Every structure is written in structure tokens, then in C-alpha cells.
Amino acid sequence: MIIPVRCQTCGKPVGHLWEEYNKRISKGEDSGKIMDSLGLKKYCCRQLFMGHVDLLKEIAAFKP
């Protein structure tokens, strides 16, 4: 769905980093290095980005 505004475990704001991360991933950069440069050091914050699946387009198809 949509990336959470804050990390669910530690509470660090991470939502504003998603677009930059997505843009750099599409260019072919290494995800670990991107997260390091964005300041995502804790494993709980990193797992949000690694495990996120963008389903917004699929869900929007069922909008009444």
C-alpha cells in the first residue's frame, strides 16, 4: 500500500525518504548503499523499505 510516515518500531520519520529511495533503485543503485546515505541505519527502518510492495495501482482498480 503506502509507505508508513514513521517506522512502526522505533518511530523515526521515514515516509519522506520513499520517493528518493524508489528513484535511486530504478537507476540501478545498490539498496544497502542508498539506505545508508538516506540515514536508515536501524534494521527496523530498513525492513520497511526492503519489504514494501506498492499495491496502490492494483487496489485503485477496485475503487467504486
N, C-alpha and C. Protein backbone atom coordinates (compact mmCIF):
# COMPACT_ATOMS: atom_id res chain seq x y z
N MET A 1 0.85 -1.18 0.00
CA MET A 1 0.00 0.00 0.00
C MET A 1 0.89 1.24 0.00
N ILE A 2 0.75 2.09 0.97
CA ILE A 2 1.50 3.32 1.05
C ILE A 2 2.54 3.18 2.17
N ILE A 3 3.73 3.68 1.92
CA ILE A 3 4.80 3.59 2.92
C ILE A 3 4.37 4.35 4.17
N PRO A 4 4.57 3.80 5.35
CA PRO A 4 4.19 4.49 6.59
C PRO A 4 5.00 5.78 6.78
N VAL A 5 4.41 6.75 7.46
CA VAL A 5 5.09 8.01 7.72
C VAL A 5 6.24 7.80 8.69
N ARG A 6 6.04 6.96 9.69
CA ARG A 6 7.05 6.67 10.69
C ARG A 6 7.32 5.17 10.74
N CYS A 7 8.51 4.84 11.19
CA CYS A 7 8.85 3.44 11.41
C CYS A 7 7.94 2.90 12.51
N GLN A 8 7.40 1.72 12.30
CA GLN A 8 6.44 1.16 13.25
C GLN A 8 7.10 0.72 14.54
N THR A 9 8.41 0.49 14.53
CA THR A 9 9.10 0.02 15.71
C THR A 9 9.75 1.14 16.51
N CYS A 10 10.56 1.97 15.85
CA CYS A 10 11.32 2.98 16.58
C CYS A 10 10.72 4.38 16.48
N GLY A 11 9.82 4.61 15.55
CA GLY A 11 9.15 5.90 15.44
C GLY A 11 9.88 6.94 14.61
N LYS A 12 10.97 6.57 13.95
CA LYS A 12 11.72 7.51 13.12
C LYS A 12 10.90 7.86 11.88
N PRO A 13 10.82 9.15 11.51
CA PRO A 13 10.12 9.53 10.27
C PRO A 13 10.85 8.99 9.04
N VAL A 14 10.15 8.20 8.24
CA VAL A 14 10.76 7.59 7.06
C VAL A 14 9.95 7.81 5.79
N GLY A 15 8.74 8.27 5.89
CA GLY A 15 7.86 8.40 4.73
C GLY A 15 8.39 9.34 3.66
N HIS A 16 9.08 10.38 4.06
CA HIS A 16 9.59 11.36 3.10
C HIS A 16 10.78 10.83 2.30
N LEU A 17 11.34 9.71 2.71
CA LEU A 17 12.51 9.15 2.03
C LEU A 17 12.14 8.17 0.92
N TRP A 18 10.89 7.77 0.87
CA TRP A 18 10.47 6.72 -0.06
C TRP A 18 10.68 7.10 -1.52
N GLU A 19 10.30 8.31 -1.92
CA GLU A 19 10.42 8.69 -3.33
C GLU A 19 11.88 8.74 -3.78
N GLU A 20 12.75 9.26 -2.93
CA GLU A 20 14.18 9.30 -3.25
C GLU A 20 14.73 7.88 -3.38
N TYR A 21 14.34 7.00 -2.46
CA TYR A 21 14.78 5.61 -2.50
C TYR A 21 14.29 4.93 -3.78
N ASN A 22 13.03 5.12 -4.11
CA ASN A 22 12.45 4.50 -5.29
C ASN A 22 13.12 5.00 -6.57
N LYS A 23 13.41 6.29 -6.63
CA LYS A 23 14.05 6.87 -7.80
C LYS A 23 15.45 6.30 -7.99
N ARG A 24 16.19 6.17 -6.91
CA ARG A 24 17.55 5.67 -7.00
C ARG A 24 17.61 4.17 -7.27
N ILE A 25 16.62 3.42 -6.77
CA ILE A 25 16.54 1.98 -7.05
C ILE A 25 16.30 1.77 -8.54
N SER A 26 15.42 2.58 -9.13
CA SER A 26 15.11 2.43 -10.55
C SER A 26 16.32 2.74 -11.43
N LYS A 27 17.28 3.52 -10.92
CA LYS A 27 18.51 3.80 -11.65
C LYS A 27 19.51 2.66 -11.55
N GLY A 28 19.25 1.72 -10.64
CA GLY A 28 20.11 0.54 -10.52
C GLY A 28 21.12 0.60 -9.41
N GLU A 29 20.99 1.53 -8.49
CA GLU A 29 21.93 1.62 -7.37
C GLU A 29 21.68 0.49 -6.37
N ASP A 30 22.68 0.22 -5.56
CA ASP A 30 22.58 -0.80 -4.52
C ASP A 30 21.67 -0.31 -3.39
N SER A 31 20.70 -1.13 -2.99
CA SER A 31 19.73 -0.69 -1.99
C SER A 31 20.36 -0.44 -0.63
N GLY A 32 21.36 -1.21 -0.26
CA GLY A 32 22.04 -1.02 1.02
C GLY A 32 22.76 0.32 1.10
N LYS A 33 23.43 0.67 0.02
CA LYS A 33 24.14 1.95 -0.01
C LYS A 33 23.17 3.13 -0.02
N ILE A 34 22.05 2.96 -0.70
CA ILE A 34 21.03 4.02 -0.72
C ILE A 34 20.49 4.26 0.68
N MET A 35 20.15 3.19 1.37
CA MET A 35 19.60 3.33 2.72
C MET A 35 20.63 3.92 3.67
N ASP A 36 21.89 3.56 3.51
CA ASP A 36 22.95 4.17 4.34
C ASP A 36 23.01 5.67 4.10
N SER A 37 22.97 6.09 2.83
CA SER A 37 23.07 7.51 2.52
C SER A 37 21.84 8.29 2.95
N LEU A 38 20.68 7.63 3.03
CA LEU A 38 19.45 8.29 3.48
C LEU A 38 19.34 8.33 5.00
N GLY A 39 20.26 7.66 5.69
CA GLY A 39 20.26 7.68 7.14
C GLY A 39 19.45 6.57 7.79
N LEU A 40 19.12 5.54 7.03
CA LEU A 40 18.38 4.41 7.58
C LEU A 40 19.39 3.38 8.08
N LYS A 41 19.75 3.48 9.33
CA LYS A 41 20.78 2.62 9.92
C LYS A 41 20.20 1.42 10.66
N LYS A 42 19.01 1.60 11.26
CA LYS A 42 18.42 0.53 12.06
C LYS A 42 17.72 -0.49 11.15
N TYR A 43 17.77 -1.74 11.56
CA TYR A 43 17.17 -2.80 10.75
C TYR A 43 15.66 -2.66 10.66
N CYS A 44 15.02 -2.06 11.68
CA CYS A 44 13.57 -1.92 11.64
C CYS A 44 13.14 -0.93 10.55
N CYS A 45 13.90 0.14 10.38
CA CYS A 45 13.60 1.12 9.33
C CYS A 45 13.92 0.56 7.95
N ARG A 46 15.01 -0.18 7.87
CA ARG A 46 15.41 -0.75 6.58
C ARG A 46 14.42 -1.79 6.09
N GLN A 47 13.83 -2.54 7.02
CA GLN A 47 12.89 -3.57 6.60
C GLN A 47 11.62 -2.99 6.00
N LEU A 48 11.24 -1.77 6.40
CA LEU A 48 10.09 -1.12 5.79
C LEU A 48 10.32 -0.91 4.30
N PHE A 49 11.52 -0.49 3.94
CA PHE A 49 11.83 -0.22 2.54
C PHE A 49 12.07 -1.50 1.76
N MET A 50 12.72 -2.47 2.37
CA MET A 50 13.01 -3.71 1.67
C MET A 50 11.76 -4.57 1.47
N GLY A 51 10.84 -4.52 2.43
CA GLY A 51 9.66 -5.37 2.36
C GLY A 51 8.42 -4.71 1.79
N HIS A 52 8.53 -3.44 1.41
CA HIS A 52 7.36 -2.71 0.92
C HIS A 52 7.00 -3.14 -0.50
N VAL A 53 5.73 -3.44 -0.73
CA VAL A 53 5.22 -3.77 -2.06
C VAL A 53 4.18 -2.72 -2.40
N ASP A 54 4.38 -2.02 -3.49
CA ASP A 54 3.47 -0.94 -3.88
C ASP A 54 2.25 -1.53 -4.59
N LEU A 55 1.13 -1.61 -3.88
CA LEU A 55 -0.09 -2.20 -4.42
C LEU A 55 -1.15 -1.16 -4.73
N LEU A 56 -0.80 0.10 -4.70
CA LEU A 56 -1.78 1.17 -4.86
C LEU A 56 -2.50 1.09 -6.20
N LYS A 57 -1.80 0.79 -7.29
CA LYS A 57 -2.43 0.71 -8.61
C LYS A 57 -3.41 -0.46 -8.70
N GLU A 58 -3.05 -1.57 -8.08
CA GLU A 58 -3.94 -2.74 -8.12
C GLU A 58 -5.20 -2.50 -7.29
N ILE A 59 -5.04 -1.85 -6.15
CA ILE A 59 -6.21 -1.58 -5.28
C ILE A 59 -7.10 -0.52 -5.89
N ALA A 60 -6.52 0.45 -6.57
CA ALA A 60 -7.30 1.53 -7.19
C ALA A 60 -8.23 0.99 -8.28
N ALA A 61 -7.91 -0.16 -8.85
CA ALA A 61 -8.77 -0.74 -9.88
C ALA A 61 -10.13 -1.16 -9.30
N PHE A 62 -10.21 -1.39 -8.01
CA PHE A 62 -11.44 -1.83 -7.38
C PHE A 62 -12.21 -0.71 -6.72
N LYS A 63 -11.78 0.52 -6.96
CA LYS A 63 -12.45 1.68 -6.37
C LYS A 63 -13.85 1.81 -6.95
N PRO A 64 -14.87 2.00 -6.09
CA PRO A 64 -16.25 2.08 -6.61
C PRO A 64 -16.51 3.33 -7.42
